[in-house]
Amino acid sequence: MIRYALICGDCEHAFEAWFASSSAFDTQADKRLVTCPDCTGANVSKQIMAPSVKSPRKAADRATTERLAEEFAAKARDHIAKNFDYVGDDFASEARAMFYGETADRPIWGATTPEESAALAEEGVPAAPLPRAFTPKPPKQARSKRKLN
């Protein structure tokens, strides 16, 4: 597949279109099957385009950028794990308690349902979703001392 930048010779509207090959465009254009989406004119030609070539430098730059992003995310996860209290499913109630002055402020992280998150926002409780890349693994919960049977 090839994407061409095209221009209408009648109304000068610029647009793009995909073709199976260069010869497919030529064949369709010769048969006047390529038409302008604005004026439906068939006086359509290719615009000058720079080819999209992947260079080794672009790939190296992308790899460097991805590595730096992962390093930043790892540092964020480590910082959160070391400096924030994990409150698990109690996040909404803990955030509310701090907001209303019932408990001391402290950095926390945990989980909420979409409904709880919307309710916090509606109440004005300052809370934001933690991007997945920055979310540390939750600490292992202590096993319950209660016997199930």
N, C-alpha and C. Protein backbone atom coordinates (compact mmCIF):
# COMPACT_ATOMS: atom_id res chain seq x y z
N MET A 1 0.85 -1.19 0.00
CA MET A 1 0.00 0.00 0.00
C MET A 1 0.89 1.24 0.00
N ILE A 2 0.43 2.24 -0.68
CA ILE A 2 1.14 3.50 -0.74
C ILE A 2 0.15 4.64 -0.57
N ARG A 3 0.57 5.65 0.20
CA ARG A 3 -0.29 6.81 0.45
C ARG A 3 0.25 7.98 -0.35
N TYR A 4 -0.60 8.61 -1.11
CA TYR A 4 -0.22 9.77 -1.90
C TYR A 4 -0.92 11.02 -1.40
N ALA A 5 -0.17 12.11 -1.41
CA ALA A 5 -0.75 13.43 -1.20
C ALA A 5 -1.19 13.89 -2.58
N LEU A 6 -2.47 14.20 -2.70
CA LEU A 6 -3.02 14.56 -4.00
C LEU A 6 -3.56 15.99 -3.97
N ILE A 7 -3.73 16.57 -5.16
CA ILE A 7 -4.31 17.90 -5.27
C ILE A 7 -5.23 17.94 -6.48
N CYS A 8 -6.35 18.61 -6.31
CA CYS A 8 -7.32 18.76 -7.40
C CYS A 8 -6.92 19.96 -8.25
N GLY A 9 -6.80 19.75 -9.54
CA GLY A 9 -6.45 20.83 -10.46
C GLY A 9 -7.60 21.79 -10.70
N ASP A 10 -8.82 21.39 -10.35
CA ASP A 10 -9.98 22.25 -10.57
C ASP A 10 -10.21 23.21 -9.40
N CYS A 11 -10.20 22.67 -8.17
CA CYS A 11 -10.53 23.53 -7.01
C CYS A 11 -9.34 23.72 -6.06
N GLU A 12 -8.20 23.08 -6.35
CA GLU A 12 -6.97 23.16 -5.56
C GLU A 12 -7.11 22.58 -4.16
N HIS A 13 -8.08 21.68 -3.97
CA HIS A 13 -8.25 20.99 -2.68
C HIS A 13 -7.15 19.94 -2.54
N ALA A 14 -6.44 19.95 -1.41
CA ALA A 14 -5.40 18.95 -1.14
C ALA A 14 -6.01 17.84 -0.28
N PHE A 15 -5.67 16.60 -0.60
CA PHE A 15 -6.18 15.46 0.17
C PHE A 15 -5.22 14.29 0.00
N GLU A 16 -5.46 13.23 0.75
CA GLU A 16 -4.63 12.03 0.68
C GLU A 16 -5.49 10.85 0.27
N ALA A 17 -4.82 9.86 -0.34
CA ALA A 17 -5.52 8.63 -0.72
C ALA A 17 -4.51 7.48 -0.73
N TRP A 18 -5.01 6.29 -0.47
CA TRP A 18 -4.18 5.07 -0.46
C TRP A 18 -4.42 4.29 -1.74
N PHE A 19 -3.34 3.69 -2.25
CA PHE A 19 -3.42 2.87 -3.46
C PHE A 19 -2.59 1.62 -3.25
N ALA A 20 -2.94 0.56 -3.96
CA ALA A 20 -2.23 -0.70 -3.83
C ALA A 20 -0.78 -0.57 -4.29
N SER A 21 -0.53 0.28 -5.28
CA SER A 21 0.81 0.48 -5.80
C SER A 21 0.83 1.78 -6.60
N SER A 22 2.02 2.16 -7.03
CA SER A 22 2.15 3.36 -7.85
C SER A 22 1.41 3.19 -9.17
N SER A 23 1.51 2.00 -9.75
CA SER A 23 0.84 1.76 -11.02
C SER A 23 -0.68 1.74 -10.86
N ALA A 24 -1.17 1.34 -9.67
CA ALA A 24 -2.62 1.35 -9.42
C ALA A 24 -3.14 2.78 -9.48
N PHE A 25 -2.38 3.73 -8.88
CA PHE A 25 -2.80 5.13 -8.98
C PHE A 25 -2.83 5.57 -10.45
N ASP A 26 -1.75 5.27 -11.19
CA ASP A 26 -1.67 5.70 -12.59
C ASP A 26 -2.85 5.16 -13.40
N THR A 27 -3.16 3.87 -13.21
CA THR A 27 -4.26 3.24 -13.94
C THR A 27 -5.60 3.91 -13.62
N GLN A 28 -5.85 4.12 -12.32
CA GLN A 28 -7.12 4.73 -11.91
C GLN A 28 -7.21 6.19 -12.36
N ALA A 29 -6.09 6.91 -12.29
CA ALA A 29 -6.10 8.31 -12.71
C ALA A 29 -6.34 8.41 -14.21
N ASP A 30 -5.72 7.51 -15.00
CA ASP A 30 -5.94 7.51 -16.45
C ASP A 30 -7.40 7.25 -16.80
N LYS A 31 -8.07 6.42 -16.01
CA LYS A 31 -9.48 6.10 -16.25
C LYS A 31 -10.41 7.13 -15.59
N ARG A 32 -9.82 8.18 -15.01
CA ARG A 32 -10.55 9.26 -14.34
C ARG A 32 -11.42 8.74 -13.18
N LEU A 33 -10.87 7.72 -12.49
CA LEU A 33 -11.57 7.15 -11.33
C LEU A 33 -11.16 7.83 -10.02
N VAL A 34 -10.05 8.55 -10.04
CA VAL A 34 -9.59 9.28 -8.85
C VAL A 34 -10.22 10.67 -8.93
N THR A 35 -11.09 10.96 -7.96
CA THR A 35 -11.81 12.23 -8.00
C THR A 35 -11.63 13.00 -6.70
N CYS A 36 -11.81 14.29 -6.80
CA CYS A 36 -11.70 15.19 -5.65
C CYS A 36 -12.91 14.99 -4.73
N PRO A 37 -12.68 14.86 -3.41
CA PRO A 37 -13.81 14.71 -2.50
C PRO A 37 -14.62 16.00 -2.34
N ASP A 38 -14.05 17.14 -2.71
CA ASP A 38 -14.79 18.41 -2.58
C ASP A 38 -15.66 18.71 -3.79
N CYS A 39 -15.03 18.68 -4.99
CA CYS A 39 -15.77 19.11 -6.18
C CYS A 39 -16.08 17.95 -7.14
N THR A 40 -15.64 16.75 -6.81
CA THR A 40 -15.79 15.53 -7.62
C THR A 40 -15.10 15.62 -8.98
N GLY A 41 -14.22 16.60 -9.16
CA GLY A 41 -13.46 16.71 -10.40
C GLY A 41 -12.43 15.60 -10.51
N ALA A 42 -12.11 15.18 -11.73
CA ALA A 42 -11.16 14.11 -11.96
C ALA A 42 -9.79 14.63 -12.39
N ASN A 43 -9.57 15.94 -12.29
CA ASN A 43 -8.29 16.54 -12.65
C ASN A 43 -7.38 16.51 -11.42
N VAL A 44 -7.01 15.29 -10.99
CA VAL A 44 -6.28 15.07 -9.75
C VAL A 44 -4.86 14.63 -10.08
N SER A 45 -3.88 15.20 -9.36
CA SER A 45 -2.48 14.80 -9.57
C SER A 45 -1.79 14.65 -8.22
N LYS A 46 -0.63 14.01 -8.24
CA LYS A 46 0.16 13.81 -7.03
C LYS A 46 0.86 15.11 -6.66
N GLN A 47 0.97 15.32 -5.35
CA GLN A 47 1.76 16.44 -4.86
C GLN A 47 3.18 15.94 -4.61
N ILE A 48 4.12 16.85 -4.50
CA ILE A 48 5.49 16.47 -4.17
C ILE A 48 5.49 15.99 -2.72
N MET A 49 6.11 14.83 -2.49
CA MET A 49 6.13 14.24 -1.15
C MET A 49 7.56 13.82 -0.81
N ALA A 50 7.91 13.94 0.44
CA ALA A 50 9.17 13.39 0.92
C ALA A 50 8.92 11.97 1.37
N PRO A 51 9.73 11.03 0.94
CA PRO A 51 9.50 9.65 1.35
C PRO A 51 9.75 9.48 2.84
N SER A 52 9.02 8.57 3.44
CA SER A 52 9.19 8.26 4.84
C SER A 52 10.19 7.10 4.94
N VAL A 53 11.43 7.46 5.21
CA VAL A 53 12.50 6.47 5.27
C VAL A 53 12.95 6.34 6.71
N LYS A 54 13.01 5.13 7.19
CA LYS A 54 13.48 4.90 8.55
C LYS A 54 14.99 4.78 8.53
N SER A 55 15.62 5.70 9.19
CA SER A 55 17.08 5.69 9.23
C SER A 55 17.55 5.03 10.52
N PRO A 56 18.77 4.51 10.52
CA PRO A 56 19.29 3.92 11.76
C PRO A 56 19.33 4.94 12.90
N ARG A 57 19.58 6.22 12.56
CA ARG A 57 19.64 7.25 13.60
C ARG A 57 18.27 7.45 14.24
N LYS A 58 17.20 7.47 13.42
CA LYS A 58 15.85 7.63 13.97
C LYS A 58 15.52 6.47 14.89
N ALA A 59 15.91 5.25 14.48
CA ALA A 59 15.65 4.07 15.32
C ALA A 59 16.43 4.17 16.62
N ALA A 60 17.68 4.64 16.55
CA ALA A 60 18.50 4.79 17.75
C ALA A 60 17.91 5.87 18.66
N ASP A 61 17.45 6.99 18.06
CA ASP A 61 16.83 8.05 18.85
C ASP A 61 15.57 7.55 19.55
N ARG A 62 14.78 6.74 18.83
CA ARG A 62 13.55 6.19 19.41
C ARG A 62 13.90 5.24 20.55
N ALA A 63 14.92 4.41 20.37
CA ALA A 63 15.33 3.48 21.42
C ALA A 63 15.82 4.24 22.64
N THR A 64 16.57 5.33 22.43
CA THR A 64 17.05 6.15 23.55
C THR A 64 15.88 6.79 24.28
N THR A 65 14.94 7.32 23.54
CA THR A 65 13.76 7.94 24.14
C THR A 65 12.97 6.93 24.95
N GLU A 66 12.77 5.73 24.40
CA GLU A 66 12.03 4.69 25.12
C GLU A 66 12.77 4.26 26.38
N ARG A 67 14.10 4.14 26.29
CA ARG A 67 14.90 3.76 27.45
C ARG A 67 14.80 4.83 28.54
N LEU A 68 14.90 6.10 28.15
CA LEU A 68 14.80 7.20 29.13
C LEU A 68 13.42 7.24 29.77
N ALA A 69 12.38 7.00 28.98
CA ALA A 69 11.02 6.99 29.52
C ALA A 69 10.85 5.85 30.52
N GLU A 70 11.39 4.68 30.21
CA GLU A 70 11.28 3.55 31.13
C GLU A 70 12.08 3.81 32.41
N GLU A 71 13.25 4.42 32.28
CA GLU A 71 14.04 4.77 33.48
C GLU A 71 13.28 5.76 34.36
N PHE A 72 12.64 6.75 33.74
CA PHE A 72 11.86 7.73 34.50
C PHE A 72 10.70 7.05 35.20
N ALA A 73 10.00 6.16 34.49
CA ALA A 73 8.86 5.45 35.08
C ALA A 73 9.33 4.57 36.24
N ALA A 74 10.47 3.92 36.10
CA ALA A 74 11.00 3.07 37.17
C ALA A 74 11.31 3.91 38.41
N LYS A 75 11.89 5.10 38.20
CA LYS A 75 12.18 5.98 39.34
C LYS A 75 10.88 6.44 40.01
N ALA A 76 9.87 6.74 39.20
CA ALA A 76 8.58 7.16 39.76
C ALA A 76 7.96 6.03 40.57
N ARG A 77 7.97 4.80 40.03
CA ARG A 77 7.43 3.65 40.77
C ARG A 77 8.15 3.47 42.09
N ASP A 78 9.49 3.56 42.06
CA ASP A 78 10.28 3.38 43.27
C ASP A 78 9.97 4.47 44.30
N HIS A 79 9.85 5.71 43.83
CA HIS A 79 9.53 6.82 44.74
C HIS A 79 8.16 6.62 45.39
N ILE A 80 7.19 6.23 44.61
CA ILE A 80 5.84 6.01 45.14
C ILE A 80 5.85 4.86 46.14
N ALA A 81 6.52 3.77 45.81
CA ALA A 81 6.56 2.61 46.70
C ALA A 81 7.22 2.96 48.04
N LYS A 82 8.24 3.80 48.02
CA LYS A 82 8.98 4.14 49.24
C LYS A 82 8.34 5.27 50.05
N ASN A 83 7.62 6.18 49.39
CA ASN A 83 7.17 7.40 50.07
C ASN A 83 5.66 7.54 50.22
N PHE A 84 4.88 6.68 49.61
CA PHE A 84 3.43 6.76 49.68
C PHE A 84 2.89 5.55 50.42
N ASP A 85 1.82 5.74 51.17
CA ASP A 85 1.16 4.63 51.85
C ASP A 85 0.20 3.96 50.88
N TYR A 86 0.31 2.64 50.76
CA TYR A 86 -0.63 1.90 49.93
C TYR A 86 -1.87 1.61 50.77
N VAL A 87 -3.03 2.10 50.33
CA VAL A 87 -4.27 1.92 51.08
C VAL A 87 -5.23 0.97 50.38
N GLY A 88 -4.81 0.40 49.27
CA GLY A 88 -5.61 -0.59 48.55
C GLY A 88 -6.97 -0.06 48.13
N ASP A 89 -7.99 -0.87 48.38
CA ASP A 89 -9.35 -0.52 47.99
C ASP A 89 -9.97 0.57 48.85
N ASP A 90 -9.27 0.97 49.91
CA ASP A 90 -9.78 2.02 50.80
C ASP A 90 -9.38 3.42 50.34
N PHE A 91 -8.86 3.54 49.11
CA PHE A 91 -8.35 4.83 48.64
C PHE A 91 -9.39 5.94 48.76
N ALA A 92 -10.59 5.70 48.28
CA ALA A 92 -11.62 6.74 48.29
C ALA A 92 -11.94 7.21 49.71
N SER A 93 -12.10 6.28 50.62
CA SER A 93 -12.44 6.68 52.00
C SER A 93 -11.26 7.37 52.67
N GLU A 94 -10.04 6.93 52.41
CA GLU A 94 -8.86 7.58 52.99
C GLU A 94 -8.69 9.00 52.43
N ALA A 95 -8.88 9.15 51.11
CA ALA A 95 -8.76 10.47 50.49
C ALA A 95 -9.81 11.43 51.05
N ARG A 96 -11.03 10.93 51.23
CA ARG A 96 -12.09 11.77 51.80
C ARG A 96 -11.76 12.18 53.23
N ALA A 97 -11.28 11.22 54.02
CA ALA A 97 -10.96 11.51 55.42
C ALA A 97 -9.89 12.59 55.52
N MET A 98 -8.91 12.56 54.66
CA MET A 98 -7.88 13.60 54.67
C MET A 98 -8.46 14.93 54.20
N PHE A 99 -9.28 14.90 53.16
CA PHE A 99 -9.87 16.10 52.60
C PHE A 99 -10.74 16.83 53.63
N TYR A 100 -11.51 16.06 54.40
CA TYR A 100 -12.40 16.65 55.38
C TYR A 100 -11.74 16.85 56.75
N GLY A 101 -10.43 16.63 56.85
CA GLY A 101 -9.70 16.88 58.08
C GLY A 101 -9.89 15.83 59.16
N GLU A 102 -10.42 14.67 58.81
CA GLU A 102 -10.65 13.61 59.80
C GLU A 102 -9.38 12.85 60.13
N THR A 103 -8.42 12.85 59.19
CA THR A 103 -7.11 12.24 59.43
C THR A 103 -6.04 13.17 58.87
N ALA A 104 -4.81 12.96 59.31
CA ALA A 104 -3.70 13.79 58.86
C ALA A 104 -3.41 13.53 57.38
N ASP A 105 -3.03 14.60 56.68
CA ASP A 105 -2.64 14.46 55.27
C ASP A 105 -1.37 13.63 55.16
N ARG A 106 -1.33 12.79 54.16
CA ARG A 106 -0.15 12.01 53.84
C ARG A 106 -0.29 11.54 52.40
N PRO A 107 0.82 11.25 51.74
CA PRO A 107 0.70 10.74 50.36
C PRO A 107 0.22 9.29 50.38
N ILE A 108 -0.82 9.02 49.61
CA ILE A 108 -1.37 7.67 49.54
C ILE A 108 -1.57 7.26 48.09
N TRP A 109 -1.68 5.97 47.88
CA TRP A 109 -2.09 5.45 46.58
C TRP A 109 -2.86 4.18 46.81
N GLY A 110 -3.73 3.85 45.86
CA GLY A 110 -4.55 2.66 46.00
C GLY A 110 -5.44 2.49 44.79
N ALA A 111 -6.61 1.93 45.02
CA ALA A 111 -7.51 1.63 43.91
C ALA A 111 -8.90 2.16 44.21
N THR A 112 -9.60 2.55 43.15
CA THR A 112 -10.99 2.95 43.26
C THR A 112 -11.76 2.39 42.08
N THR A 113 -13.04 2.38 42.21
CA THR A 113 -13.88 2.02 41.07
C THR A 113 -14.10 3.30 40.26
N PRO A 114 -14.53 3.19 39.02
CA PRO A 114 -14.83 4.40 38.26
C PRO A 114 -15.89 5.27 38.95
N GLU A 115 -16.86 4.65 39.60
CA GLU A 115 -17.90 5.40 40.30
C GLU A 115 -17.31 6.17 41.49
N GLU A 116 -16.41 5.52 42.25
CA GLU A 116 -15.78 6.19 43.38
C GLU A 116 -14.92 7.36 42.90
N SER A 117 -14.20 7.15 41.82
CA SER A 117 -13.35 8.19 41.26
C SER A 117 -14.19 9.40 40.84
N ALA A 118 -15.32 9.16 40.20
CA ALA A 118 -16.22 10.24 39.78
C ALA A 118 -16.78 10.97 41.00
N ALA A 119 -17.13 10.22 42.04
CA ALA A 119 -17.67 10.84 43.25
C ALA A 119 -16.61 11.72 43.93
N LEU A 120 -15.37 11.27 43.97
CA LEU A 120 -14.30 12.08 44.55
C LEU A 120 -14.15 13.39 43.78
N ALA A 121 -14.16 13.30 42.47
CA ALA A 121 -14.03 14.49 41.64
C ALA A 121 -15.19 15.45 41.87
N GLU A 122 -16.39 14.91 41.98
CA GLU A 122 -17.59 15.72 42.19
C GLU A 122 -17.53 16.45 43.53
N GLU A 123 -16.95 15.80 44.54
CA GLU A 123 -16.83 16.41 45.87
C GLU A 123 -15.67 17.39 45.95
N GLY A 124 -14.80 17.38 44.95
CA GLY A 124 -13.63 18.27 44.96
C GLY A 124 -12.43 17.69 45.68
N VAL A 125 -12.48 16.40 45.98
CA VAL A 125 -11.35 15.74 46.64
C VAL A 125 -10.21 15.62 45.63
N PRO A 126 -9.03 16.16 45.95
CA PRO A 126 -7.93 16.12 44.99
C PRO A 126 -7.36 14.70 44.87
N ALA A 127 -7.64 14.06 43.77
CA ALA A 127 -7.15 12.72 43.50
C ALA A 127 -7.05 12.57 41.99
N ALA A 128 -6.06 11.84 41.54
CA ALA A 128 -5.88 11.65 40.10
C ALA A 128 -5.44 10.21 39.85
N PRO A 129 -5.81 9.67 38.70
CA PRO A 129 -5.36 8.33 38.37
C PRO A 129 -3.85 8.29 38.21
N LEU A 130 -3.26 7.24 38.67
CA LEU A 130 -1.82 7.04 38.54
C LEU A 130 -1.57 6.29 37.24
N PRO A 131 -0.78 6.86 36.32
CA PRO A 131 -0.51 6.14 35.06
C PRO A 131 0.05 4.75 35.34
N ARG A 132 -0.38 3.79 34.55
CA ARG A 132 0.02 2.40 34.76
C ARG A 132 1.54 2.25 34.83
N ALA A 133 2.27 3.00 33.99
CA ALA A 133 3.73 2.89 33.97
C ALA A 133 4.34 3.34 35.29
N PHE A 134 3.65 4.19 36.06
CA PHE A 134 4.17 4.69 37.33
C PHE A 134 3.65 3.92 38.53
N THR A 135 2.81 2.95 38.32
CA THR A 135 2.18 2.23 39.42
C THR A 135 3.07 1.09 39.91
N PRO A 136 3.52 1.16 41.18
CA PRO A 136 4.32 0.05 41.70
C PRO A 136 3.45 -1.18 41.95
N LYS A 137 4.09 -2.30 42.15
CA LYS A 137 3.34 -3.50 42.52
C LYS A 137 2.84 -3.31 43.93
N PRO A 138 1.55 -3.59 44.18
CA PRO A 138 1.04 -3.43 45.54
C PRO A 138 1.77 -4.38 46.48
N PRO A 139 2.00 -3.93 47.71
CA PRO A 139 2.66 -4.83 48.66
C PRO A 139 1.77 -6.02 48.96
N LYS A 140 2.41 -7.11 49.31
CA LYS A 140 1.64 -8.31 49.65
C LYS A 140 0.85 -8.04 50.91
N GLN A 141 -0.41 -8.39 50.86
CA GLN A 141 -1.29 -8.18 52.01
C GLN A 141 -1.01 -9.26 53.05
N ALA A 142 -1.07 -8.87 54.31
CA ALA A 142 -0.88 -9.85 55.38
C ALA A 142 -2.00 -10.87 55.30
N ARG A 143 -1.63 -12.09 55.50
CA ARG A 143 -2.65 -13.14 55.46
C ARG A 143 -3.60 -12.98 56.64
N SER A 144 -4.85 -13.21 56.36
CA SER A 144 -5.86 -13.09 57.40
C SER A 144 -5.64 -14.16 58.45
N LYS A 145 -5.81 -13.78 59.71
CA LYS A 145 -5.67 -14.74 60.79
C LYS A 145 -6.95 -15.49 61.05
N ARG A 146 -8.04 -15.06 60.36
CA ARG A 146 -9.31 -15.75 60.52
C ARG A 146 -9.29 -17.05 59.74
N LYS A 147 -9.87 -18.02 60.29
CA LYS A 147 -10.02 -19.29 59.59
C LYS A 147 -11.30 -19.24 58.79
N LEU A 148 -11.25 -19.76 57.57
CA LEU A 148 -12.41 -19.74 56.72
C LEU A 148 -13.45 -20.76 57.17
N ASN A 149 -13.04 -21.85 57.72
CA ASN A 149 -13.99 -22.88 58.18
C ASN A 149 -13.73 -23.24 59.61
